[in-house]
Amino acid sequence: MPHTHPTFTLDQIQAPIAAEMEEFEHKFRQSMRTKVLLLDKIMGYIVKRKGKQIRPMFVFLTARATRAEPATGDPLPDATFRGAALIELLHTATLVHDDVVDESNYRRGFFSINALWKNKIAVLVGDYLLSRGLLLALENDDYDLLKIVSNAVRELSEGELLQIEKARKLDITEDVYFDIIRQKTASLIASCTAVGASSVGADKEVIERARLFGEKVGIAFQIKDDLFDYGTAEIGKPVGIDIKEKKMTLPLIYALQQASWLQKRKVIFNVKNNDGHRDRVQQVIEFVKQSGGLDYAVATMKRYRDEALSILHTFPESPSRTSLEELINYTIEREK
């Protein structure tokens, strides 16, 4: 399948759902209002920090692409908006809790909640977001959506714990790596696409196809993130941060598989004992580049992208389907 470089901006990709995105932002901001002053302040801060909004875009675009009559510009049902809000609420809750656990002071260039307020407040805010999401779904009998998103949160936690369990050993196989990222990162995009399809009343088979599409996209996205660690571009994420944090990424796993026992021991020693030393981290980066780890990861990422696109093409042609295709290429070829 020939494919062109993205000439599309996020605004152009958003075109088929521009009205929905605007309405969603407004609705979401309103729904975050609360009578507790401290909480209201924090909610306002969270809403203000919104990133590229890739998640809601996946929900709305998939909803439009999987709907039985893609030709009509009818507004999407309220359930789609609730589904997008549910994902934002539950996902933000997990991020707030993550920042507490990691004692991290920043998220996407903004101060984290635990950095501005106390850990206890951050944990309670995470709980609050979680319950807001659950109630939003229950009050509207959105059991299907709740099931999809709760499942994703469970997978997220399992993936994170699996990674922690395996990280100590540093001898992660490729199979385990894919298990981890399928649960830890791909389940999130998969829940967006499944929620999108489910919210417009698609049947089980279509929802499952949408979910699988999202999962493949999510895996490709994660491999792209792995590649950033090797300074493939000037981005917000510092080069070598995964190596410093002793995270096993696909390029490194592949490179270690190719290495001799002695080489392997040396590299693992450097990863384990780098203490943030530039030269040790740099040695690992050089080793991975020379072993073909980067080329291998790029090829794997493209394979997942192509699998995602072939699933996407089982849905009827529509502007939203085209946008989903562009969104994938945009994210995979982005330089930051």
C-alpha atoms as a PDB file:
ATOM      1  CA  MET A   1       0.000   0.000   0.000  1.00  0.00           C
ATOM      2  CA  PRO A   2       1.773   3.186  -1.114  1.00  0.00           C
ATOM      3  CA  HIS A   3       1.538   5.927   1.387  1.00  0.00           C
ATOM      4  CA  THR A   4       2.336   9.564   1.325  1.00  0.00           C
ATOM      5  CA  HIS A   5       3.897  11.688   4.009  1.00  0.00           C
ATOM      6  CA  PRO A   6       1.388  13.525   6.142  1.00  0.00           C
ATOM      7  CA  THR A   7       0.589  16.853   4.631  1.00  0.00           C
ATOM      8  CA  PHE A   8      -2.398  16.975   6.941  1.00  0.00           C
ATOM      9  CA  THR A   9      -2.546  19.088  10.052  1.00  0.00           C
ATOM     10  CA  LEU A  10      -4.491  17.978  13.101  1.00  0.00           C
ATOM     11  CA  ASP A  11      -7.132  20.578  12.221  1.00  0.00           C
ATOM     12  CA  GLN A  12      -7.657  19.042   8.791  1.00  0.00           C
ATOM     13  CA  ILE A  13      -7.820  15.545  10.263  1.00  0.00           C
ATOM     14  CA  GLN A  14     -10.421  16.807  12.721  1.00  0.00           C
ATOM     15  CA  ALA A  15     -12.616  18.314  10.002  1.00  0.00           C
ATOM     16  CA  PRO A  16     -15.295  15.558   9.915  1.00  0.00           C
ATOM     17  CA  ILE A  17     -15.766  15.848  13.679  1.00  0.00           C
ATOM     18  CA  ALA A  18     -14.858  19.497  14.283  1.00  0.00           C
ATOM     19  CA  ALA A  19     -18.323  20.345  15.619  1.00  0.00           C
ATOM     20  CA  GLU A  20     -18.275  17.346  17.977  1.00  0.00           C
ATOM     21  CA  MET A  21     -14.815  18.168  19.300  1.00  0.00           C
ATOM     22  CA  GLU A  22     -15.836  21.727  20.089  1.00  0.00           C
ATOM     23  CA  GLU A  23     -19.050  20.618  21.760  1.00  0.00           C
ATOM     24  CA  PHE A  24     -17.186  17.936  23.674  1.00  0.00           C
ATOM     25  CA  GLU A  25     -14.657  20.378  25.058  1.00  0.00           C
ATOM     26  CA  HIS A  26     -17.431  22.653  26.251  1.00  0.00           C
ATOM     27  CA  LYS A  27     -19.482  19.804  27.740  1.00  0.00           C
ATOM     28  CA  PHE A  28     -16.458  18.278  29.399  1.00  0.00           C
ATOM     29  CA  ARG A  29     -15.459  21.584  30.984  1.00  0.00           C
ATOM     30  CA  GLN A  30     -18.992  22.027  32.318  1.00  0.00           C
ATOM     31  CA  SER A  31     -19.130  18.502  33.685  1.00  0.00           C
ATOM     32  CA  MET A  32     -15.950  19.084  35.688  1.00  0.00           C
ATOM     33  CA  ARG A  33     -17.578  21.842  37.732  1.00  0.00           C
ATOM     34  CA  THR A  34     -17.862  21.091  41.434  1.00  0.00           C
ATOM     35  CA  LYS A  35     -18.943  22.944  44.590  1.00  0.00           C
ATOM     36  CA  VAL A  36     -15.787  22.105  46.497  1.00  0.00           C
ATOM     37  CA  LEU A  37     -13.516  25.049  45.866  1.00  0.00           C
ATOM     38  CA  LEU A  38     -10.207  23.175  46.027  1.00  0.00           C
ATOM     39  CA  LEU A  39     -11.532  20.474  43.730  1.00  0.00           C
ATOM     40  CA  ASP A  40     -12.949  23.008  41.306  1.00  0.00           C
ATOM     41  CA  LYS A  41      -9.565  24.694  41.117  1.00  0.00           C
ATOM     42  CA  ILE A  42      -7.818  21.393  40.390  1.00  0.00           C
ATOM     43  CA  MET A  43     -10.449  20.321  37.828  1.00  0.00           C
ATOM     44  CA  GLY A  44     -10.028  23.661  36.059  1.00  0.00           C
ATOM     45  CA  TYR A  45      -6.296  23.063  35.972  1.00  0.00           C
ATOM     46  CA  ILE A  46      -6.720  19.559  34.555  1.00  0.00           C
ATOM     47  CA  VAL A  47      -9.066  20.747  31.796  1.00  0.00           C
ATOM     48  CA  LYS A  48      -6.689  23.571  30.887  1.00  0.00           C
ATOM     49  CA  ARG A  49      -3.802  21.136  30.425  1.00  0.00           C
ATOM     50  CA  LYS A  50      -5.405  19.211  27.595  1.00  0.00           C
ATOM     51  CA  GLY A  51      -2.940  17.910  25.032  1.00  0.00           C
ATOM     52  CA  LYS A  52      -3.540  17.154  21.366  1.00  0.00           C
ATOM     53  CA  GLN A  53      -6.830  15.438  22.264  1.00  0.00           C
ATOM     54  CA  ILE A  54      -5.946  12.354  20.286  1.00  0.00           C
ATOM     55  CA  ARG A  55      -8.156  10.148  22.478  1.00  0.00           C
ATOM     56  CA  PRO A  56     -11.486  11.951  21.915  1.00  0.00           C
ATOM     57  CA  MET A  57     -10.600  12.207  18.227  1.00  0.00           C
ATOM     58  CA  PHE A  58     -10.356   8.428  18.005  1.00  0.00           C
ATOM     59  CA  VAL A  59     -13.721   8.064  19.746  1.00  0.00           C
ATOM     60  CA  PHE A  60     -15.587  10.491  17.469  1.00  0.00           C
ATOM     61  CA  LEU A  61     -13.915   9.452  14.224  1.00  0.00           C
ATOM     62  CA  THR A  62     -14.533   5.755  14.903  1.00  0.00           C
ATOM     63  CA  ALA A  63     -18.140   6.494  15.851  1.00  0.00           C
ATOM     64  CA  ARG A  64     -18.667   8.229  12.503  1.00  0.00           C
ATOM     65  CA  ALA A  65     -16.718   5.625  10.530  1.00  0.00           C
ATOM     66  CA  THR A  66     -18.582   2.629  11.971  1.00  0.00           C
ATOM     67  CA  ARG A  67     -22.053   4.126  11.923  1.00  0.00           C
ATOM     68  CA  ALA A  68     -24.441   2.388   9.555  1.00  0.00           C
ATOM     69  CA  GLU A  69     -25.043   5.517   7.430  1.00  0.00           C
ATOM     70  CA  PRO A  70     -21.669   7.220   7.122  1.00  0.00           C
ATOM     71  CA  ALA A  71     -22.894   9.414   4.281  1.00  0.00           C
ATOM     72  CA  THR A  72     -25.172  11.493   6.473  1.00  0.00           C
ATOM     73  CA  GLY A  73     -23.836  14.311   8.586  1.00  0.00           C
ATOM     74  CA  ASP A  74     -26.345  13.630  11.361  1.00  0.00           C
ATOM     75  CA  PRO A  75     -25.078  14.579  14.781  1.00  0.00           C
ATOM     76  CA  LEU A  76     -23.592  11.775  16.817  1.00  0.00           C
ATOM     77  CA  PRO A  77     -25.646  10.462  19.766  1.00  0.00           C
ATOM     78  CA  ASP A  78     -25.079  11.693  23.319  1.00  0.00           C
ATOM     79  CA  ALA A  79     -23.672   8.274  24.179  1.00  0.00           C
ATOM     80  CA  THR A  80     -20.616   9.039  22.038  1.00  0.00           C
ATOM     81  CA  PHE A  81     -19.933  12.196  24.033  1.00  0.00           C
ATOM     82  CA  ARG A  82     -20.357  10.287  27.286  1.00  0.00           C
ATOM     83  CA  GLY A  83     -18.023   7.581  26.027  1.00  0.00           C
ATOM     84  CA  ALA A  84     -15.327  10.132  25.221  1.00  0.00           C
ATOM     85  CA  ALA A  85     -15.797  11.774  28.628  1.00  0.00           C
ATOM     86  CA  LEU A  86     -15.629   8.391  30.359  1.00  0.00           C
ATOM     87  CA  ILE A  87     -12.284   7.643  28.752  1.00  0.00           C
ATOM     88  CA  GLU A  88     -10.906  11.075  29.638  1.00  0.00           C
ATOM     89  CA  LEU A  89     -12.070  10.813  33.256  1.00  0.00           C
ATOM     90  CA  LEU A  90     -10.760   7.310  33.881  1.00  0.00           C
ATOM     91  CA  HIS A  91      -7.548   7.831  31.967  1.00  0.00           C
ATOM     92  CA  THR A  92      -6.796  11.128  33.707  1.00  0.00           C
ATOM     93  CA  ALA A  93      -7.389   9.378  37.030  1.00  0.00           C
ATOM     94  CA  THR A  94      -4.751   6.770  36.195  1.00  0.00           C
ATOM     95  CA  LEU A  95      -2.286   9.491  35.132  1.00  0.00           C
ATOM     96  CA  VAL A  96      -2.778  11.469  38.347  1.00  0.00           C
ATOM     97  CA  HIS A  97      -2.150   8.327  40.369  1.00  0.00           C
ATOM     98  CA  ASP A  98       0.857   7.474  38.195  1.00  0.00           C
ATOM     99  CA  ASP A  99       2.456  10.833  38.910  1.00  0.00           C
ATOM    100  CA  VAL A 100       2.066  10.269  42.644  1.00  0.00           C
ATOM    101  CA  VAL A 101       3.675   6.842  42.439  1.00  0.00           C
ATOM    102  CA  ASP A 102       6.504   8.057  40.194  1.00  0.00           C
ATOM    103  CA  GLU A 103       6.933  11.184  42.311  1.00  0.00           C
ATOM    104  CA  SER A 104       7.045  13.042  39.031  1.00  0.00           C
ATOM    105  CA  ASN A 105       6.708  16.808  39.063  1.00  0.00           C
ATOM    106  CA  TYR A 106       5.740  17.373  35.463  1.00  0.00           C
ATOM    107  CA  ARG A 107       3.372  15.960  32.937  1.00  0.00           C
ATOM    108  CA  ARG A 108       3.571  17.210  29.357  1.00  0.00           C
ATOM    109  CA  GLY A 109       5.395  20.356  30.398  1.00  0.00           C
ATOM    110  CA  PHE A 110       2.839  21.232  33.077  1.00  0.00           C
ATOM    111  CA  PHE A 111       3.226  20.728  36.786  1.00  0.00           C
ATOM    112  CA  SER A 112       1.635  17.487  37.939  1.00  0.00           C
ATOM    113  CA  ILE A 113      -1.182  17.619  40.486  1.00  0.00           C
ATOM    114  CA  ASN A 114       1.021  16.103  43.204  1.00  0.00           C
ATOM    115  CA  ALA A 115       3.687  18.751  42.559  1.00  0.00           C
ATOM    116  CA  LEU A 116       1.273  21.657  43.031  1.00  0.00           C
ATOM    117  CA  TRP A 117      -0.793  20.073  45.783  1.00  0.00           C
ATOM    118  CA  LYS A 118      -0.017  17.211  48.144  1.00  0.00           C
ATOM    119  CA  ASN A 119       0.128  13.493  47.349  1.00  0.00           C
ATOM    120  CA  LYS A 120      -2.946  12.847  49.437  1.00  0.00           C
ATOM    121  CA  ILE A 121      -4.895  15.450  47.457  1.00  0.00           C
ATOM    122  CA  ALA A 122      -3.664  13.981  44.163  1.00  0.00           C
ATOM    123  CA  VAL A 123      -4.771  10.470  45.145  1.00  0.00           C
ATOM    124  CA  LEU A 124      -8.188  11.765  46.200  1.00  0.00           C
ATOM    125  CA  VAL A 125      -8.519  13.689  42.944  1.00  0.00           C
ATOM    126  CA  GLY A 126      -7.750  10.476  41.065  1.00  0.00           C
ATOM    127  CA  ASP A 127     -10.450   8.676  43.049  1.00  0.00           C
ATOM    128  CA  TYR A 128     -12.852  11.532  42.389  1.00  0.00           C
ATOM    129  CA  LEU A 129     -12.254  11.411  38.630  1.00  0.00           C
ATOM    130  CA  LEU A 130     -12.754   7.661  38.699  1.00  0.00           C
ATOM    131  CA  SER A 131     -16.076   7.905  40.499  1.00  0.00           C
ATOM    132  CA  ARG A 132     -17.236  10.749  38.240  1.00  0.00           C
ATOM    133  CA  GLY A 133     -16.617   8.497  35.266  1.00  0.00           C
ATOM    134  CA  LEU A 134     -18.405   5.514  36.796  1.00  0.00           C
ATOM    135  CA  LEU A 135     -21.408   7.625  37.776  1.00  0.00           C
ATOM    136  CA  LEU A 136     -21.609   9.300  34.382  1.00  0.00           C
ATOM    137  CA  ALA A 137     -21.940   5.869  32.785  1.00  0.00           C
ATOM    138  CA  LEU A 138     -24.305   4.426  35.390  1.00  0.00           C
ATOM    139  CA  GLU A 139     -26.657   7.415  35.410  1.00  0.00           C
ATOM    140  CA  ASN A 140     -27.165   6.905  31.682  1.00  0.00           C
ATOM    141  CA  ASP A 141     -27.229   3.096  31.662  1.00  0.00           C
ATOM    142  CA  ASP A 142     -24.100   3.025  29.486  1.00  0.00           C
ATOM    143  CA  TYR A 143     -23.137  -0.433  30.712  1.00  0.00           C
ATOM    144  CA  ASP A 144     -21.471  -1.445  27.448  1.00  0.00           C
ATOM    145  CA  LEU A 145     -19.245   1.626  27.481  1.00  0.00           C
ATOM    146  CA  LEU A 146     -18.462   1.177  31.155  1.00  0.00           C
ATOM    147  CA  LYS A 147     -17.444  -2.421  30.521  1.00  0.00           C
ATOM    148  CA  ILE A 148     -15.057  -1.443  27.724  1.00  0.00           C
ATOM    149  CA  VAL A 149     -13.393   1.370  29.643  1.00  0.00           C
ATOM    150  CA  SER A 150     -13.200  -0.464  32.996  1.00  0.00           C
ATOM    151  CA  ASN A 151     -11.566  -3.338  31.170  1.00  0.00           C
ATOM    152  CA  ALA A 152      -8.985  -0.962  29.746  1.00  0.00           C
ATOM    153  CA  VAL A 153      -8.171   0.385  33.210  1.00  0.00           C
ATOM    154  CA  ARG A 154      -7.735  -3.169  34.511  1.00  0.00           C
ATOM    155  CA  GLU A 155      -5.420  -3.989  31.587  1.00  0.00           C
ATOM    156  CA  LEU A 156      -3.499  -0.774  32.161  1.00  0.00           C
ATOM    157  CA  SER A 157      -2.819  -1.727  35.782  1.00  0.00           C
ATOM    158  CA  GLU A 158      -1.940  -5.317  34.891  1.00  0.00           C
ATOM    159  CA  GLY A 159       0.445  -4.175  32.163  1.00  0.00           C
ATOM    160  CA  GLU A 160       2.127  -1.705  34.485  1.00  0.00           C
ATOM    161  CA  LEU A 161       2.558  -4.370  37.173  1.00  0.00           C
ATOM    162  CA  LEU A 162       3.823  -6.904  34.645  1.00  0.00           C
ATOM    163  CA  GLN A 163       6.398  -4.370  33.521  1.00  0.00           C
ATOM    164  CA  ILE A 164       7.535  -3.707  37.085  1.00  0.00           C
ATOM    165  CA  GLU A 165       7.826  -7.429  37.745  1.00  0.00           C
ATOM    166  CA  LYS A 166       9.884  -8.000  34.603  1.00  0.00           C
ATOM    167  CA  ALA A 167      11.939  -4.807  34.753  1.00  0.00           C
ATOM    168  CA  ARG A 168      14.190  -6.065  37.513  1.00  0.00           C
ATOM    169  CA  LYS A 169      15.481  -8.900  35.388  1.00  0.00           C
ATOM    170  CA  LEU A 170      16.095  -6.936  32.206  1.00  0.00           C
ATOM    171  CA  ASP A 171      15.865 -10.112  30.154  1.00  0.00           C
ATOM    172  CA  ILE A 172      12.464  -9.373  28.693  1.00  0.00           C
ATOM    173  CA  THR A 173      11.635 -11.357  25.587  1.00  0.00           C
ATOM    174  CA  GLU A 174       9.807  -9.823  22.682  1.00  0.00           C
ATOM    175  CA  ASP A 175       6.649 -11.762  23.601  1.00  0.00           C
ATOM    176  CA  VAL A 176       6.600 -10.302  27.086  1.00  0.00           C
ATOM    177  CA  TYR A 177       7.302  -6.840  25.675  1.00  0.00           C
ATOM    178  CA  PHE A 178       4.254  -7.091  23.411  1.00  0.00           C
ATOM    179  CA  ASP A 179       2.139  -8.399  26.293  1.00  0.00           C
ATOM    180  CA  ILE A 180       3.158  -5.385  28.343  1.00  0.00           C
ATOM    181  CA  ILE A 181       2.505  -2.760  25.700  1.00  0.00           C
ATOM    182  CA  ARG A 182      -0.710  -4.394  24.548  1.00  0.00           C
ATOM    183  CA  GLN A 183      -2.023  -3.989  28.065  1.00  0.00           C
ATOM    184  CA  LYS A 184      -0.255  -0.838  29.106  1.00  0.00           C
ATOM    185  CA  THR A 185      -0.651   1.411  26.114  1.00  0.00           C
ATOM    186  CA  ALA A 186      -2.577  -0.259  23.314  1.00  0.00           C
ATOM    187  CA  SER A 187      -5.603  -0.994  25.517  1.00  0.00           C
ATOM    188  CA  LEU A 188      -6.203   2.741  25.806  1.00  0.00           C
ATOM    189  CA  ILE A 189      -6.565   3.455  22.073  1.00  0.00           C
ATOM    190  CA  ALA A 190      -8.450   0.159  21.727  1.00  0.00           C
ATOM    191  CA  SER A 191     -10.956   1.384  24.304  1.00  0.00           C
ATOM    192  CA  CYS A 192     -11.386   4.651  22.348  1.00  0.00           C
ATOM    193  CA  THR A 193     -12.198   2.875  19.092  1.00  0.00           C
ATOM    194  CA  ALA A 194     -14.399   0.239  20.765  1.00  0.00           C
ATOM    195  CA  VAL A 195     -16.303   2.932  22.670  1.00  0.00           C
ATOM    196  CA  GLY A 196     -16.772   4.901  19.455  1.00  0.00           C
ATOM    197  CA  ALA A 197     -18.310   1.919  17.680  1.00  0.00           C
ATOM    198  CA  SER A 198     -20.368   0.794  20.672  1.00  0.00           C
ATOM    199  CA  SER A 199     -21.780   4.274  21.296  1.00  0.00           C
ATOM    200  CA  VAL A 200     -23.451   4.373  17.875  1.00  0.00           C
ATOM    201  CA  GLY A 201     -25.051   0.968  18.371  1.00  0.00           C
ATOM    202  CA  ALA A 202     -22.708  -1.081  16.182  1.00  0.00           C
ATOM    203  CA  ASP A 203     -23.004  -4.850  16.522  1.00  0.00           C
ATOM    204  CA  LYS A 204     -20.546  -7.005  18.478  1.00  0.00           C
ATOM    205  CA  GLU A 205     -18.512  -8.022  15.447  1.00  0.00           C
ATOM    206  CA  VAL A 206     -18.008  -4.403  14.342  1.00  0.00           C
ATOM    207  CA  ILE A 207     -17.097  -3.314  17.874  1.00  0.00           C
ATOM    208  CA  GLU A 208     -14.513  -6.093  18.086  1.00  0.00           C
ATOM    209  CA  ARG A 209     -13.055  -5.099  14.718  1.00  0.00           C
ATOM    210  CA  ALA A 210     -12.873  -1.482  15.863  1.00  0.00           C
ATOM    211  CA  ARG A 211     -11.207  -2.572  19.096  1.00  0.00           C
ATOM    212  CA  LEU A 212      -8.595  -4.652  17.279  1.00  0.00           C
ATOM    213  CA  PHE A 213      -7.933  -1.740  14.928  1.00  0.00           C
ATOM    214  CA  GLY A 214      -7.284   0.489  17.959  1.00  0.00           C
ATOM    215  CA  GLU A 215      -5.027  -2.096  19.545  1.00  0.00           C
ATOM    216  CA  LYS A 216      -2.801  -2.344  16.473  1.00  0.00           C
ATOM    217  CA  VAL A 217      -2.631   1.448  16.285  1.00  0.00           C
ATOM    218  CA  GLY A 218      -1.736   1.618  19.971  1.00  0.00           C
ATOM    219  CA  ILE A 219       1.125  -0.850  19.562  1.00  0.00           C
ATOM    220  CA  ALA A 220       2.495   1.114  16.606  1.00  0.00           C
ATOM    221  CA  PHE A 221       2.272   4.314  18.679  1.00  0.00           C
ATOM    222  CA  GLN A 222       4.229   2.736  21.521  1.00  0.00           C
ATOM    223  CA  ILE A 223       7.004   1.539  19.229  1.00  0.00           C
ATOM    224  CA  LYS A 224       7.194   5.087  17.854  1.00  0.00           C
ATOM    225  CA  ASP A 225       7.644   6.266  21.424  1.00  0.00           C
ATOM    226  CA  ASP A 226      10.432   3.713  21.931  1.00  0.00           C
ATOM    227  CA  LEU A 227      12.220   5.088  18.884  1.00  0.00           C
ATOM    228  CA  PHE A 228      12.184   8.595  20.317  1.00  0.00           C
ATOM    229  CA  ASP A 229      14.532   7.335  23.029  1.00  0.00           C
ATOM    230  CA  TYR A 230      17.259   6.980  20.434  1.00  0.00           C
ATOM    231  CA  GLY A 231      17.221  10.607  19.410  1.00  0.00           C
ATOM    232  CA  THR A 232      15.514   9.988  16.088  1.00  0.00           C
ATOM    233  CA  ALA A 233      14.210  13.545  16.404  1.00  0.00           C
ATOM    234  CA  GLU A 234      14.336  16.592  18.610  1.00  0.00           C
ATOM    235  CA  ILE A 235      11.325  16.110  20.825  1.00  0.00           C
ATOM    236  CA  GLY A 236       9.947  16.901  24.231  1.00  0.00           C
ATOM    237  CA  LYS A 237      11.123  13.538  25.511  1.00  0.00           C
ATOM    238  CA  PRO A 238      14.818  13.577  26.471  1.00  0.00           C
ATOM    239  CA  VAL A 239      17.024  11.144  24.573  1.00  0.00           C
ATOM    240  CA  GLY A 240      17.912   8.044  26.519  1.00  0.00           C
ATOM    241  CA  ILE A 241      15.301   8.570  29.234  1.00  0.00           C
ATOM    242  CA  ASP A 242      13.977   4.990  28.866  1.00  0.00           C
ATOM    243  CA  ILE A 243      17.498   3.621  29.176  1.00  0.00           C
ATOM    244  CA  LYS A 244      18.094   5.774  32.255  1.00  0.00           C
ATOM    245  CA  GLU A 245      14.867   4.474  33.753  1.00  0.00           C
ATOM    246  CA  LYS A 246      15.924   0.915  32.863  1.00  0.00           C
ATOM    247  CA  LYS A 247      12.898   0.380  30.648  1.00  0.00           C
ATOM    248  CA  MET A 248      13.221  -2.324  28.063  1.00  0.00           C
ATOM    249  CA  THR A 249      12.185  -1.025  24.659  1.00  0.00           C
ATOM    250  CA  LEU A 250      11.841  -2.939  21.397  1.00  0.00           C
ATOM    251  CA  PRO A 251      15.061  -1.664  19.756  1.00  0.00           C
ATOM    252  CA  LEU A 252      17.064  -2.703  22.826  1.00  0.00           C
ATOM    253  CA  ILE A 253      15.363  -6.102  23.164  1.00  0.00           C
ATOM    254  CA  TYR A 254      16.102  -6.896  19.530  1.00  0.00           C
ATOM    255  CA  ALA A 255      19.701  -5.708  19.807  1.00  0.00           C
ATOM    256  CA  LEU A 256      20.305  -7.866  22.889  1.00  0.00           C
ATOM    257  CA  GLN A 257      18.878 -10.906  21.096  1.00  0.00           C
ATOM    258  CA  GLN A 258      21.501 -10.463  18.399  1.00  0.00           C
ATOM    259  CA  ALA A 259      24.388  -9.948  20.813  1.00  0.00           C
ATOM    260  CA  SER A 260      27.005 -12.384  22.083  1.00  0.00           C
ATOM    261  CA  TRP A 261      26.851 -13.416  25.737  1.00  0.00           C
ATOM    262  CA  LEU A 262      29.715 -11.106  26.651  1.00  0.00           C
ATOM    263  CA  GLN A 263      28.314  -8.137  24.777  1.00  0.00           C
ATOM    264  CA  LYS A 264      24.927  -8.739  26.341  1.00  0.00           C
ATOM    265  CA  ARG A 265      26.387  -8.746  29.829  1.00  0.00           C
ATOM    266  CA  LYS A 266      28.210  -5.495  29.190  1.00  0.00           C
ATOM    267  CA  VAL A 267      25.155  -3.705  27.795  1.00  0.00           C
ATOM    268  CA  ILE A 268      22.876  -4.897  30.581  1.00  0.00           C
ATOM    269  CA  PHE A 269      25.494  -3.741  33.082  1.00  0.00           C
ATOM    270  CA  ASN A 270      25.465  -0.304  31.437  1.00  0.00           C
ATOM    271  CA  VAL A 271      21.689  -0.126  31.548  1.00  0.00           C
ATOM    272  CA  LYS A 272      21.509  -1.270  35.165  1.00  0.00           C
ATOM    273  CA  ASN A 273      24.301   0.937  36.433  1.00  0.00           C
ATOM    274  CA  ASN A 274      24.018   4.000  34.278  1.00  0.00           C
ATOM    275  CA  ASP A 275      22.996   6.339  37.131  1.00  0.00           C
ATOM    276  CA  GLY A 276      22.116   8.758  34.374  1.00  0.00           C
ATOM    277  CA  HIS A 277      25.751   8.835  33.106  1.00  0.00           C
ATOM    278  CA  ARG A 278      25.630  10.297  29.610  1.00  0.00           C
ATOM    279  CA  ASP A 279      28.481   8.167  28.281  1.00  0.00           C
ATOM    280  CA  ARG A 280      27.029   4.871  29.500  1.00  0.00           C
ATOM    281  CA  VAL A 281      23.630   5.741  28.087  1.00  0.00           C
ATOM    282  CA  GLN A 282      25.314   6.831  24.863  1.00  0.00           C
ATOM    283  CA  GLN A 283      27.142   3.488  24.634  1.00  0.00           C
ATOM    284  CA  VAL A 284      23.831   1.649  24.873  1.00  0.00           C
ATOM    285  CA  ILE A 285      22.328   3.883  22.169  1.00  0.00           C
ATOM    286  CA  GLU A 286      25.303   3.235  19.860  1.00  0.00           C
ATOM    287  CA  PHE A 287      25.076  -0.513  20.477  1.00  0.00           C
ATOM    288  CA  VAL A 288      21.377  -0.551  19.573  1.00  0.00           C
ATOM    289  CA  LYS A 289      21.941   1.482  16.404  1.00  0.00           C
ATOM    290  CA  GLN A 290      24.770  -0.785  15.248  1.00  0.00           C
ATOM    291  CA  SER A 291      22.816  -3.958  15.953  1.00  0.00           C
ATOM    292  CA  GLY A 292      19.988  -2.916  13.643  1.00  0.00           C
ATOM    293  CA  GLY A 293      17.622  -2.441  16.577  1.00  0.00           C
ATOM    294  CA  LEU A 294      16.226   0.813  15.185  1.00  0.00           C
ATOM    295  CA  ASP A 295      15.596  -0.567  11.690  1.00  0.00           C
ATOM    296  CA  TYR A 296      13.918  -3.591  13.206  1.00  0.00           C
ATOM    297  CA  ALA A 297      11.657  -1.454  15.395  1.00  0.00           C
ATOM    298  CA  VAL A 298      10.706   0.818  12.480  1.00  0.00           C
ATOM    299  CA  ALA A 299       9.816  -2.198  10.350  1.00  0.00           C
ATOM    300  CA  THR A 300       7.739  -3.696  13.176  1.00  0.00           C
ATOM    301  CA  MET A 301       5.949  -0.390  13.746  1.00  0.00           C
ATOM    302  CA  LYS A 302       5.069  -0.177  10.056  1.00  0.00           C
ATOM    303  CA  ARG A 303       3.801  -3.734  10.086  1.00  0.00           C
ATOM    304  CA  TYR A 304       1.366  -2.912  12.897  1.00  0.00           C
ATOM    305  CA  ARG A 305       0.330   0.258  11.112  1.00  0.00           C
ATOM    306  CA  ASP A 306      -0.412  -1.704   7.930  1.00  0.00           C
ATOM    307  CA  GLU A 307      -2.401  -4.300   9.863  1.00  0.00           C
ATOM    308  CA  ALA A 308      -4.409  -1.485  11.438  1.00  0.00           C
ATOM    309  CA  LEU A 309      -5.058   0.088   8.030  1.00  0.00           C
ATOM    310  CA  SER A 310      -6.235  -3.176   6.520  1.00  0.00           C
ATOM    311  CA  ILE A 311      -8.779  -3.557   9.350  1.00  0.00           C
ATOM    312  CA  LEU A 312      -9.800   0.065   8.883  1.00  0.00           C
ATOM    313  CA  HIS A 313     -10.458  -0.579   5.196  1.00  0.00           C
ATOM    314  CA  THR A 314     -13.114  -3.156   6.073  1.00  0.00           C
ATOM    315  CA  PHE A 315     -15.298  -0.210   7.123  1.00  0.00           C
ATOM    316  CA  PRO A 316     -17.181   1.717   4.415  1.00  0.00           C
ATOM    317  CA  GLU A 317     -15.348   4.615   2.841  1.00  0.00           C
ATOM    318  CA  SER A 318     -16.116   7.948   4.505  1.00  0.00           C
ATOM    319  CA  PRO A 319     -14.381  11.219   5.417  1.00  0.00           C
ATOM    320  CA  SER A 320     -13.968   9.901   8.967  1.00  0.00           C
ATOM    321  CA  ARG A 321     -12.273   6.749   7.752  1.00  0.00           C
ATOM    322  CA  THR A 322      -9.851   8.866   5.740  1.00  0.00           C
ATOM    323  CA  SER A 323      -9.188  11.013   8.802  1.00  0.00           C
ATOM    324  CA  LEU A 324      -8.435   7.944  10.912  1.00  0.00           C
ATOM    325  CA  GLU A 325      -5.895   6.890   8.312  1.00  0.00           C
ATOM    326  CA  GLU A 326      -4.330  10.348   8.353  1.00  0.00           C
ATOM    327  CA  LEU A 327      -4.337  10.413  12.146  1.00  0.00           C
ATOM    328  CA  ILE A 328      -2.329   7.192  12.260  1.00  0.00           C
ATOM    329  CA  ASN A 329       0.198   8.447   9.735  1.00  0.00           C
ATOM    330  CA  TYR A 330       0.359  11.790  11.508  1.00  0.00           C
ATOM    331  CA  THR A 331       1.206  10.141  14.806  1.00  0.00           C
ATOM    332  CA  ILE A 332       3.652   7.646  13.394  1.00  0.00           C
ATOM    333  CA  GLU A 333       5.551  10.167  11.338  1.00  0.00           C
ATOM    334  CA  ARG A 334       5.418  12.999  13.829  1.00  0.00           C
ATOM    335  CA  GLU A 335       8.719  14.350  14.969  1.00  0.00           C
ATOM    336  CA  LYS A 336       7.529  15.142  18.475  1.00  0.00           C
END
